Amino acid sequence: MEAVARGIVEQAMDDELTDRRLELSYNTFKQLEKEGLLESAESAMFGKIYSEAFSYFVYYKMHSKEAISLTEMEEF
Protein backbone atom coordinates (compact mmCIF):
# COMPACT_ATOMS: atom_id res chain seq x y z
CA MET A 1 0.00 0.00 0.00
CA GLU A 2 1.33 3.42 -0.89
CA ALA A 3 2.56 5.70 1.87
CA VAL A 4 -0.27 8.24 1.58
CA ALA A 5 -2.96 5.55 1.75
CA ARG A 6 -1.22 3.89 4.69
CA GLY A 7 -1.08 7.25 6.48
CA ILE A 8 -4.79 7.79 5.92
CA VAL A 9 -5.60 4.34 7.32
CA GLU A 10 -3.36 4.98 10.33
CA GLN A 11 -5.07 8.34 10.93
CA ALA A 12 -8.49 6.68 10.84
CA MET A 13 -7.33 4.13 13.39
CA ASP A 14 -5.80 6.83 15.60
CA ASP A 15 -9.08 8.77 15.49
CA GLU A 16 -11.03 5.68 16.56
CA LEU A 17 -8.55 4.82 19.33
CA THR A 18 -8.82 8.04 21.31
CA ASP A 19 -9.84 7.45 24.91
CA ARG A 20 -13.15 9.27 24.50
CA ARG A 21 -14.21 7.40 21.35
CA LEU A 22 -13.16 4.07 22.83
CA GLU A 23 -15.17 4.76 25.96
CA LEU A 24 -18.26 5.80 23.99
CA SER A 25 -18.04 2.79 21.68
CA TYR A 26 -17.41 0.38 24.51
CA ASN A 27 -20.34 1.66 26.56
CA THR A 28 -22.66 1.54 23.55
CA PHE A 29 -21.61 -1.96 22.54
CA LYS A 30 -21.70 -3.23 26.13
CA GLN A 31 -25.30 -2.02 26.44
CA LEU A 32 -26.22 -3.78 23.19
CA GLU A 33 -24.48 -6.91 24.46
CA LYS A 34 -26.47 -6.78 27.72
CA GLU A 35 -29.68 -6.46 25.69
CA GLY A 36 -28.73 -9.57 23.73
CA LEU A 37 -28.26 -7.74 20.44
CA LEU A 38 -24.51 -8.46 20.29
CA GLU A 39 -22.49 -11.48 21.27
CA SER A 40 -19.31 -9.54 21.97
CA ALA A 41 -18.79 -5.84 22.57
CA GLU A 42 -15.07 -6.29 21.99
CA SER A 43 -15.61 -7.92 18.61
CA ALA A 44 -18.01 -5.15 17.62
CA MET A 45 -15.41 -2.56 18.58
CA PHE A 46 -12.80 -4.26 16.40
CA GLY A 47 -15.27 -4.33 13.51
CA LYS A 48 -16.07 -0.65 13.95
CA ILE A 49 -12.41 0.37 13.89
CA TYR A 50 -11.66 -1.91 10.93
CA SER A 51 -14.62 -0.68 8.89
CA GLU A 52 -13.79 2.96 9.63
CA ALA A 53 -10.18 2.48 8.47
CA PHE A 54 -11.36 0.67 5.34
CA SER A 55 -13.89 3.43 4.59
CA TYR A 56 -11.18 6.09 4.83
CA PHE A 57 -9.01 4.04 2.45
CA VAL A 58 -11.81 3.58 -0.10
CA TYR A 59 -12.72 7.27 0.12
CA TYR A 60 -9.09 8.23 -0.54
CA LYS A 61 -8.83 5.88 -3.51
CA MET A 62 -12.12 7.09 -4.93
CA HIS A 63 -11.02 10.72 -4.86
CA SER A 64 -7.54 9.99 -6.18
CA LYS A 65 -9.17 8.08 -9.05
CA GLU A 66 -6.81 5.14 -8.52
CA ALA A 67 -8.02 1.58 -8.63
CA ILE A 68 -7.60 -0.49 -5.50
CA SER A 69 -5.03 -3.14 -6.29
CA LEU A 70 -5.29 -6.77 -5.27
CA THR A 71 -2.24 -6.44 -3.03
CA GLU A 72 -3.83 -3.48 -1.24
CA MET A 73 -7.00 -5.50 -0.68
CA GLU A 74 -4.94 -8.40 0.66
CA GLU A 75 -3.41 -6.07 3.25
CA PHE A 76 -6.87 -5.55 4.68
PDB file of N, CA and C in Angstrom:
ATOM      1  N   MET A   1       0.851  -1.169   0.000  1.00  0.00           N
ATOM      2  CA  MET A   1       0.000   0.000   0.000  1.00  0.00           C
ATOM      3  C   MET A   1       0.898   1.234   0.000  1.00  0.00           C
ATOM      4  N   GLU A   2       0.521   2.202  -0.797  1.00  0.00           N
ATOM      5  CA  GLU A   2       1.333   3.417  -0.893  1.00  0.00           C
ATOM      6  C   GLU A   2       1.341   4.185   0.424  1.00  0.00           C
ATOM      7  N   ALA A   3       2.351   5.000   0.597  1.00  0.00           N
ATOM      8  CA  ALA A   3       2.556   5.699   1.871  1.00  0.00           C
ATOM      9  C   ALA A   3       1.391   6.613   2.247  1.00  0.00           C
ATOM     10  N   VAL A   4       0.834   7.332   1.281  1.00  0.00           N
ATOM     11  CA  VAL A   4      -0.274   8.245   1.583  1.00  0.00           C
ATOM     12  C   VAL A   4      -1.487   7.456   2.059  1.00  0.00           C
ATOM     13  N   ALA A   5      -1.809   6.381   1.361  1.00  0.00           N
ATOM     14  CA  ALA A   5      -2.956   5.552   1.748  1.00  0.00           C
ATOM     15  C   ALA A   5      -2.733   4.943   3.126  1.00  0.00           C
ATOM     16  N   ARG A   6      -1.528   4.472   3.377  1.00  0.00           N
ATOM     17  CA  ARG A   6      -1.217   3.891   4.689  1.00  0.00           C
ATOM     18  C   ARG A   6      -1.376   4.951   5.789  1.00  0.00           C
ATOM     19  N   GLY A   7      -0.926   6.163   5.515  1.00  0.00           N
ATOM     20  CA  GLY A   7      -1.077   7.248   6.478  1.00  0.00           C
ATOM     21  C   GLY A   7      -2.533   7.570   6.765  1.00  0.00           C
ATOM     22  N   ILE A   8      -3.365   7.525   5.747  1.00  0.00           N
ATOM     23  CA  ILE A   8      -4.794   7.785   5.924  1.00  0.00           C
ATOM     24  C   ILE A   8      -5.432   6.699   6.772  1.00  0.00           C
ATOM     25  N   VAL A   9      -5.081   5.454   6.518  1.00  0.00           N
ATOM     26  CA  VAL A   9      -5.603   4.338   7.315  1.00  0.00           C
ATOM     27  C   VAL A   9      -5.143   4.472   8.767  1.00  0.00           C
ATOM     28  N   GLU A  10      -3.878   4.809   8.962  1.00  0.00           N
ATOM     29  CA  GLU A  10      -3.358   4.984  10.330  1.00  0.00           C
ATOM     30  C   GLU A  10      -4.057   6.133  11.045  1.00  0.00           C
ATOM     31  N   GLN A  11      -4.356   7.210  10.322  1.00  0.00           N
ATOM     32  CA  GLN A  11      -5.069   8.339  10.927  1.00  0.00           C
ATOM     33  C   GLN A  11      -6.478   7.927  11.339  1.00  0.00           C
ATOM     34  N   ALA A  12      -7.147   7.159  10.506  1.00  0.00           N
ATOM     35  CA  ALA A  12      -8.492   6.680  10.845  1.00  0.00           C
ATOM     36  C   ALA A  12      -8.450   5.836  12.107  1.00  0.00           C
ATOM     37  N   MET A  13      -7.461   4.972  12.203  1.00  0.00           N
ATOM     38  CA  MET A  13      -7.331   4.128  13.391  1.00  0.00           C
ATOM     39  C   MET A  13      -7.014   4.974  14.621  1.00  0.00           C
ATOM     40  N   ASP A  14      -6.121   5.942  14.473  1.00  0.00           N
ATOM     41  CA  ASP A  14      -5.797   6.830  15.595  1.00  0.00           C
ATOM     42  C   ASP A  14      -7.035   7.581  16.075  1.00  0.00           C
ATOM     43  N   ASP A  15      -7.849   8.059  15.130  1.00  0.00           N
ATOM     44  CA  ASP A  15      -9.081   8.770  15.490  1.00  0.00           C
ATOM     45  C   ASP A  15     -10.013   7.878  16.297  1.00  0.00           C
ATOM     46  N   GLU A  16     -10.130   6.619  15.884  1.00  0.00           N
ATOM     47  CA  GLU A  16     -11.025   5.683  16.564  1.00  0.00           C
ATOM     48  C   GLU A  16     -10.477   5.229  17.913  1.00  0.00           C
ATOM     49  N   LEU A  17      -9.171   5.333  18.106  1.00  0.00           N
ATOM     50  CA  LEU A  17      -8.550   4.823  19.326  1.00  0.00           C
ATOM     51  C   LEU A  17      -8.304   5.893  20.391  1.00  0.00           C
ATOM     52  N   THR A  18      -8.922   7.047  20.240  1.00  0.00           N
ATOM     53  CA  THR A  18      -8.820   8.038  21.309  1.00  0.00           C
ATOM     54  C   THR A  18      -9.603   7.524  22.515  1.00  0.00           C
ATOM     55  N   ASP A  19      -9.186   7.927  23.691  1.00  0.00           N
ATOM     56  CA  ASP A  19      -9.843   7.445  24.913  1.00  0.00           C
ATOM     57  C   ASP A  19     -11.343   7.711  24.900  1.00  0.00           C
ATOM     58  N   ARG A  20     -11.724   8.898  24.489  1.00  0.00           N
ATOM     59  CA  ARG A  20     -13.151   9.271  24.499  1.00  0.00           C
ATOM     60  C   ARG A  20     -13.965   8.401  23.541  1.00  0.00           C
ATOM     61  N   ARG A  21     -13.461   8.209  22.326  1.00  0.00           N
ATOM     62  CA  ARG A  21     -14.206   7.396  21.346  1.00  0.00           C
ATOM     63  C   ARG A  21     -14.255   5.945  21.773  1.00  0.00           C
ATOM     64  N   LEU A  22     -13.151   5.454  22.343  1.00  0.00           N
ATOM     65  CA  LEU A  22     -13.156   4.073  22.831  1.00  0.00           C
ATOM     66  C   LEU A  22     -14.183   3.894  23.940  1.00  0.00           C
ATOM     67  N   GLU A  23     -14.223   4.846  24.845  1.00  0.00           N
ATOM     68  CA  GLU A  23     -15.173   4.764  25.956  1.00  0.00           C
ATOM     69  C   GLU A  23     -16.618   4.797  25.450  1.00  0.00           C
ATOM     70  N   LEU A  24     -16.907   5.716  24.536  1.00  0.00           N
ATOM     71  CA  LEU A  24     -18.263   5.801  23.989  1.00  0.00           C
ATOM     72  C   LEU A  24     -18.653   4.521  23.256  1.00  0.00           C
ATOM     73  N   SER A  25     -17.757   4.023  22.426  1.00  0.00           N
ATOM     74  CA  SER A  25     -18.039   2.794  21.680  1.00  0.00           C
ATOM     75  C   SER A  25     -18.229   1.617  22.619  1.00  0.00           C
ATOM     76  N   TYR A  26     -17.340   1.501  23.583  1.00  0.00           N
ATOM     77  CA  TYR A  26     -17.412   0.379  24.513  1.00  0.00           C
ATOM     78  C   TYR A  26     -18.729   0.402  25.285  1.00  0.00           C
ATOM     79  N   ASN A  27     -19.086   1.565  25.805  1.00  0.00           N
ATOM     80  CA  ASN A  27     -20.335   1.663  26.560  1.00  0.00           C
ATOM     81  C   ASN A  27     -21.549   1.336  25.694  1.00  0.00           C
ATOM     82  N   THR A  28     -21.553   1.825  24.471  1.00  0.00           N
ATOM     83  CA  THR A  28     -22.660   1.540  23.554  1.00  0.00           C
ATOM     84  C   THR A  28     -22.740   0.053  23.250  1.00  0.00           C
ATOM     85  N   PHE A  29     -21.610  -0.540  22.884  1.00  0.00           N
ATOM     86  CA  PHE A  29     -21.614  -1.957  22.535  1.00  0.00           C
ATOM     87  C   PHE A  29     -21.885  -2.845  23.743  1.00  0.00           C
ATOM     88  N   LYS A  30     -21.419  -2.452  24.916  1.00  0.00           N
ATOM     89  CA  LYS A  30     -21.701  -3.232  26.131  1.00  0.00           C
ATOM     90  C   LYS A  30     -23.201  -3.240  26.419  1.00  0.00           C
ATOM     91  N   GLN A  31     -23.851  -2.092  26.221  1.00  0.00           N
ATOM     92  CA  GLN A  31     -25.297  -2.024  26.436  1.00  0.00           C
ATOM     93  C   GLN A  31     -26.025  -2.931  25.442  1.00  0.00           C
ATOM     94  N   LEU A  32     -25.613  -2.906  24.196  1.00  0.00           N
ATOM     95  CA  LEU A  32     -26.223  -3.779  23.186  1.00  0.00           C
ATOM     96  C   LEU A  32     -25.970  -5.249  23.508  1.00  0.00           C
ATOM     97  N   GLU A  33     -24.801  -5.541  24.056  1.00  0.00           N
ATOM     98  CA  GLU A  33     -24.478  -6.911  24.461  1.00  0.00           C
ATOM     99  C   GLU A  33     -25.392  -7.344  25.612  1.00  0.00           C
ATOM    100  N   LYS A  34     -25.594  -6.468  26.583  1.00  0.00           N
ATOM    101  CA  LYS A  34     -26.471  -6.781  27.716  1.00  0.00           C
ATOM    102  C   LYS A  34     -27.909  -7.026  27.262  1.00  0.00           C
ATOM    103  N   GLU A  35     -28.326  -6.308  26.219  1.00  0.00           N
ATOM    104  CA  GLU A  35     -29.681  -6.462  25.693  1.00  0.00           C
ATOM    105  C   GLU A  35     -29.810  -7.672  24.776  1.00  0.00           C
ATOM    106  N   GLY A  36     -28.705  -8.371  24.555  1.00  0.00           N
ATOM    107  CA  GLY A  36     -28.725  -9.570  23.726  1.00  0.00           C
ATOM    108  C   GLY A  36     -28.654  -9.305  22.234  1.00  0.00           C
ATOM    109  N   LEU A  37     -28.332  -8.087  21.856  1.00  0.00           N
ATOM    110  CA  LEU A  37     -28.257  -7.741  20.439  1.00  0.00           C
ATOM    111  C   LEU A  37     -26.875  -7.984  19.844  1.00  0.00           C
ATOM    112  N   LEU A  38     -25.877  -8.149  20.714  1.00  0.00           N
ATOM    113  CA  LEU A  38     -24.509  -8.459  20.290  1.00  0.00           C
ATOM    114  C   LEU A  38     -23.986  -9.615  21.118  1.00  0.00           C
ATOM    115  N   GLU A  39     -23.143 -10.422  20.506  1.00  0.00           N
ATOM    116  CA  GLU A  39     -22.488 -11.480  21.272  1.00  0.00           C
ATOM    117  C   GLU A  39     -21.269 -10.962  22.009  1.00  0.00           C
ATOM    118  N   SER A  40     -20.565 -10.015  21.393  1.00  0.00           N
ATOM    119  CA  SER A  40     -19.308  -9.544  21.975  1.00  0.00           C
ATOM    120  C   SER A  40     -19.103  -8.064  21.679  1.00  0.00           C
ATOM    121  N   ALA A  41     -19.055  -7.267  22.734  1.00  0.00           N
ATOM    122  CA  ALA A  41     -18.786  -5.836  22.574  1.00  0.00           C
ATOM    123  C   ALA A  41     -17.387  -5.620  22.009  1.00  0.00           C
ATOM    124  N   GLU A  42     -16.453  -6.431  22.450  1.00  0.00           N
ATOM    125  CA  GLU A  42     -15.066  -6.289  21.993  1.00  0.00           C
ATOM    126  C   GLU A  42     -14.949  -6.565  20.498  1.00  0.00           C
ATOM    127  N   SER A  43     -15.631  -7.598  20.029  1.00  0.00           N
ATOM    128  CA  SER A  43     -15.611  -7.923  18.609  1.00  0.00           C
ATOM    129  C   SER A  43     -16.262  -6.809  17.792  1.00  0.00           C
ATOM    130  N   ALA A  44     -17.339  -6.256  18.307  1.00  0.00           N
ATOM    131  CA  ALA A  44     -18.012  -5.153  17.623  1.00  0.00           C
ATOM    132  C   ALA A  44     -17.098  -3.934  17.541  1.00  0.00           C
ATOM    133  N   MET A  45     -16.336  -3.691  18.592  1.00  0.00           N
ATOM    134  CA  MET A  45     -15.407  -2.560  18.577  1.00  0.00           C
ATOM    135  C   MET A  45     -14.322  -2.761  17.525  1.00  0.00           C
ATOM    136  N   PHE A  46     -13.804  -3.975  17.431  1.00  0.00           N
ATOM    137  CA  PHE A  46     -12.803  -4.264  16.404  1.00  0.00           C
ATOM    138  C   PHE A  46     -13.400  -4.017  15.022  1.00  0.00           C
ATOM    139  N   GLY A  47     -14.607  -4.515  14.795  1.00  0.00           N
ATOM    140  CA  GLY A  47     -15.271  -4.330  13.507  1.00  0.00           C
ATOM    141  C   GLY A  47     -15.495  -2.867  13.176  1.00  0.00           C
ATOM    142  N   LYS A  48     -15.846  -2.080  14.162  1.00  0.00           N
ATOM    143  CA  LYS A  48     -16.070  -0.647  13.954  1.00  0.00           C
ATOM    144  C   LYS A  48     -14.776   0.042  13.529  1.00  0.00           C
ATOM    145  N   ILE A  49     -13.693  -0.250  14.213  1.00  0.00           N
ATOM    146  CA  ILE A  49     -12.406   0.372  13.887  1.00  0.00           C
ATOM    147  C   ILE A  49     -11.929  -0.081  12.508  1.00  0.00           C
ATOM    148  N   TYR A  50     -12.067  -1.368  12.226  1.00  0.00           N
ATOM    149  CA  TYR A  50     -11.656  -1.915  10.930  1.00  0.00           C
ATOM    150  C   TYR A  50     -12.462  -1.284   9.799  1.00  0.00           C
ATOM    151  N   SER A  51     -13.784  -1.218   9.965  1.00  0.00           N
ATOM    152  CA  SER A  51     -14.624  -0.677   8.893  1.00  0.00           C
ATOM    153  C   SER A  51     -14.370   0.813   8.687  1.00  0.00           C
ATOM    154  N   GLU A  52     -14.089   1.533   9.755  1.00  0.00           N
ATOM    155  CA  GLU A  52     -13.786   2.962   9.626  1.00  0.00           C
ATOM    156  C   GLU A  52     -12.477   3.159   8.856  1.00  0.00           C
ATOM    157  N   ALA A  53     -11.463   2.386   9.184  1.00  0.00           N
ATOM    158  CA  ALA A  53     -10.182   2.479   8.474  1.00  0.00           C
ATOM    159  C   ALA A  53     -10.359   2.124   6.999  1.00  0.00           C
ATOM    160  N   PHE A  54     -11.126   1.084   6.726  1.00  0.00           N
ATOM    161  CA  PHE A  54     -11.358   0.675   5.339  1.00  0.00           C
ATOM    162  C   PHE A  54     -12.138   1.748   4.586  1.00  0.00           C
ATOM    163  N   SER A  55     -13.108   2.357   5.228  1.00  0.00           N
ATOM    164  CA  SER A  55     -13.889   3.426   4.593  1.00  0.00           C
ATOM    165  C   SER A  55     -13.004   4.613   4.224  1.00  0.00           C
ATOM    166  N   TYR A  56     -12.105   4.997   5.125  1.00  0.00           N
ATOM    167  CA  TYR A  56     -11.175   6.089   4.828  1.00  0.00           C
ATOM    168  C   TYR A  56     -10.327   5.737   3.609  1.00  0.00           C
ATOM    169  N   PHE A  57      -9.855   4.498   3.559  1.00  0.00           N
ATOM    170  CA  PHE A  57      -9.013   4.042   2.453  1.00  0.00           C
ATOM    171  C   PHE A  57      -9.781   4.102   1.131  1.00  0.00           C
ATOM    172  N   VAL A  58     -10.994   3.580   1.117  1.00  0.00           N
ATOM    173  CA  VAL A  58     -11.805   3.578  -0.104  1.00  0.00           C
ATOM    174  C   VAL A  58     -12.115   5.013  -0.532  1.00  0.00           C
ATOM    175  N   TYR A  59     -12.441   5.862   0.419  1.00  0.00           N
ATOM    176  CA  TYR A  59     -12.724   7.266   0.123  1.00  0.00           C
ATOM    177  C   TYR A  59     -11.503   7.930  -0.516  1.00  0.00           C
ATOM    178  N   TYR A  60     -10.323   7.677   0.031  1.00  0.00           N
ATOM    179  CA  TYR A  60      -9.092   8.230  -0.538  1.00  0.00           C
ATOM    180  C   TYR A  60      -8.890   7.739  -1.972  1.00  0.00           C
ATOM    181  N   LYS A  61      -9.043   6.446  -2.176  1.00  0.00           N
ATOM    182  CA  LYS A  61      -8.826   5.878  -3.507  1.00  0.00           C
ATOM    183  C   LYS A  61      -9.844   6.414  -4.503  1.00  0.00           C
ATOM    184  N   MET A  62     -11.071   6.585  -4.054  1.00  0.00           N
ATOM    185  CA  MET A  62     -12.122   7.086  -4.929  1.00  0.00           C
ATOM    186  C   MET A  62     -11.787   8.504  -5.402  1.00  0.00           C
ATOM    187  N   HIS A  63     -11.322   9.339  -4.500  1.00  0.00           N
ATOM    188  CA  HIS A  63     -11.019  10.718  -4.863  1.00  0.00           C
ATOM    189  C   HIS A  63      -9.687  10.873  -5.585  1.00  0.00           C
ATOM    190  N   SER A  64      -8.802   9.922  -5.439  1.00  0.00           N
ATOM    191  CA  SER A  64      -7.540   9.987  -6.179  1.00  0.00           C
ATOM    192  C   SER A  64      -7.685   9.337  -7.553  1.00  0.00           C
ATOM    193  N   LYS A  65      -8.853   8.737  -7.779  1.00  0.00           N
ATOM    194  CA  LYS A  65      -9.173   8.076  -9.052  1.00  0.00           C
ATOM    195  C   LYS A  65      -8.207   6.939  -9.386  1.00  0.00           C
ATOM    196  N   GLU A  66      -7.678   6.303  -8.344  1.00  0.00           N
ATOM    197  CA  GLU A  66      -6.808   5.143  -8.518  1.00  0.00           C
ATOM    198  C   GLU A  66      -7.596   3.886  -8.174  1.00  0.00           C
ATOM    199  N   ALA A  67      -7.378   2.861  -8.944  1.00  0.00           N
ATOM    200  CA  ALA A  67      -8.025   1.585  -8.633  1.00  0.00           C
ATOM    201  C   ALA A  67      -7.364   0.967  -7.400  1.00  0.00           C
ATOM    202  N   ILE A  68      -8.149   0.234  -6.647  1.00  0.00           N
ATOM    203  CA  ILE A  68      -7.604  -0.490  -5.500  1.00  0.00           C
ATOM    204  C   ILE A  68      -6.994  -1.778  -6.031  1.00  0.00           C
ATOM    205  N   SER A  69      -5.717  -1.962  -5.770  1.00  0.00           N
ATOM    206  CA  SER A  69      -5.029  -3.143  -6.290  1.00  0.00           C
ATOM    207  C   SER A  69      -5.318  -4.367  -5.425  1.00  0.00           C
ATOM    208  N   LEU A  70      -5.094  -5.515  -5.990  1.00  0.00           N
ATOM    209  CA  LEU A  70      -5.294  -6.770  -5.272  1.00  0.00           C
ATOM    210  C   LEU A  70      -4.382  -6.844  -4.047  1.00  0.00           C
ATOM    211  N   THR A  71      -3.151  -6.390  -4.181  1.00  0.00           N
ATOM    212  CA  THR A  71      -2.240  -6.442  -3.029  1.00  0.00           C
ATOM    213  C   THR A  71      -2.715  -5.518  -1.908  1.00  0.00           C
ATOM    214  N   GLU A  72      -3.285  -4.372  -2.271  1.00  0.00           N
ATOM    215  CA  GLU A  72      -3.832  -3.485  -1.242  1.00  0.00           C
ATOM    216  C   GLU A  72      -5.015  -4.145  -0.537  1.00  0.00           C
ATOM    217  N   MET A  73      -5.852  -4.802  -1.282  1.00  0.00           N
ATOM    218  CA  MET A  73      -6.997  -5.496  -0.680  1.00  0.00           C
ATOM    219  C   MET A  73      -6.528  -6.625   0.232  1.00  0.00           C
ATOM    220  N   GLU A  74      -5.462  -7.314  -0.171  1.00  0.00           N
ATOM    221  CA  GLU A  74      -4.937  -8.402   0.655  1.00  0.00           C
ATOM    222  C   GLU A  74      -4.398  -7.882   1.983  1.00  0.00           C
ATOM    223  N   GLU A  75      -3.901  -6.644   1.995  1.00  0.00           N
ATOM    224  CA  GLU A  75      -3.408  -6.065   3.247  1.00  0.00           C
ATOM    225  C   GLU A  75      -4.527  -5.881   4.259  1.00  0.00           C
ATOM    226  N   PHE A  76      -5.737  -5.685   3.776  1.00  0.00           N
ATOM    227  CA  PHE A  76      -6.872  -5.549   4.682  1.00  0.00           C
ATOM    228  C   PHE A  76      -7.361  -6.912   5.082  1.00  0.00           C
TER     229      PHE A  76
END
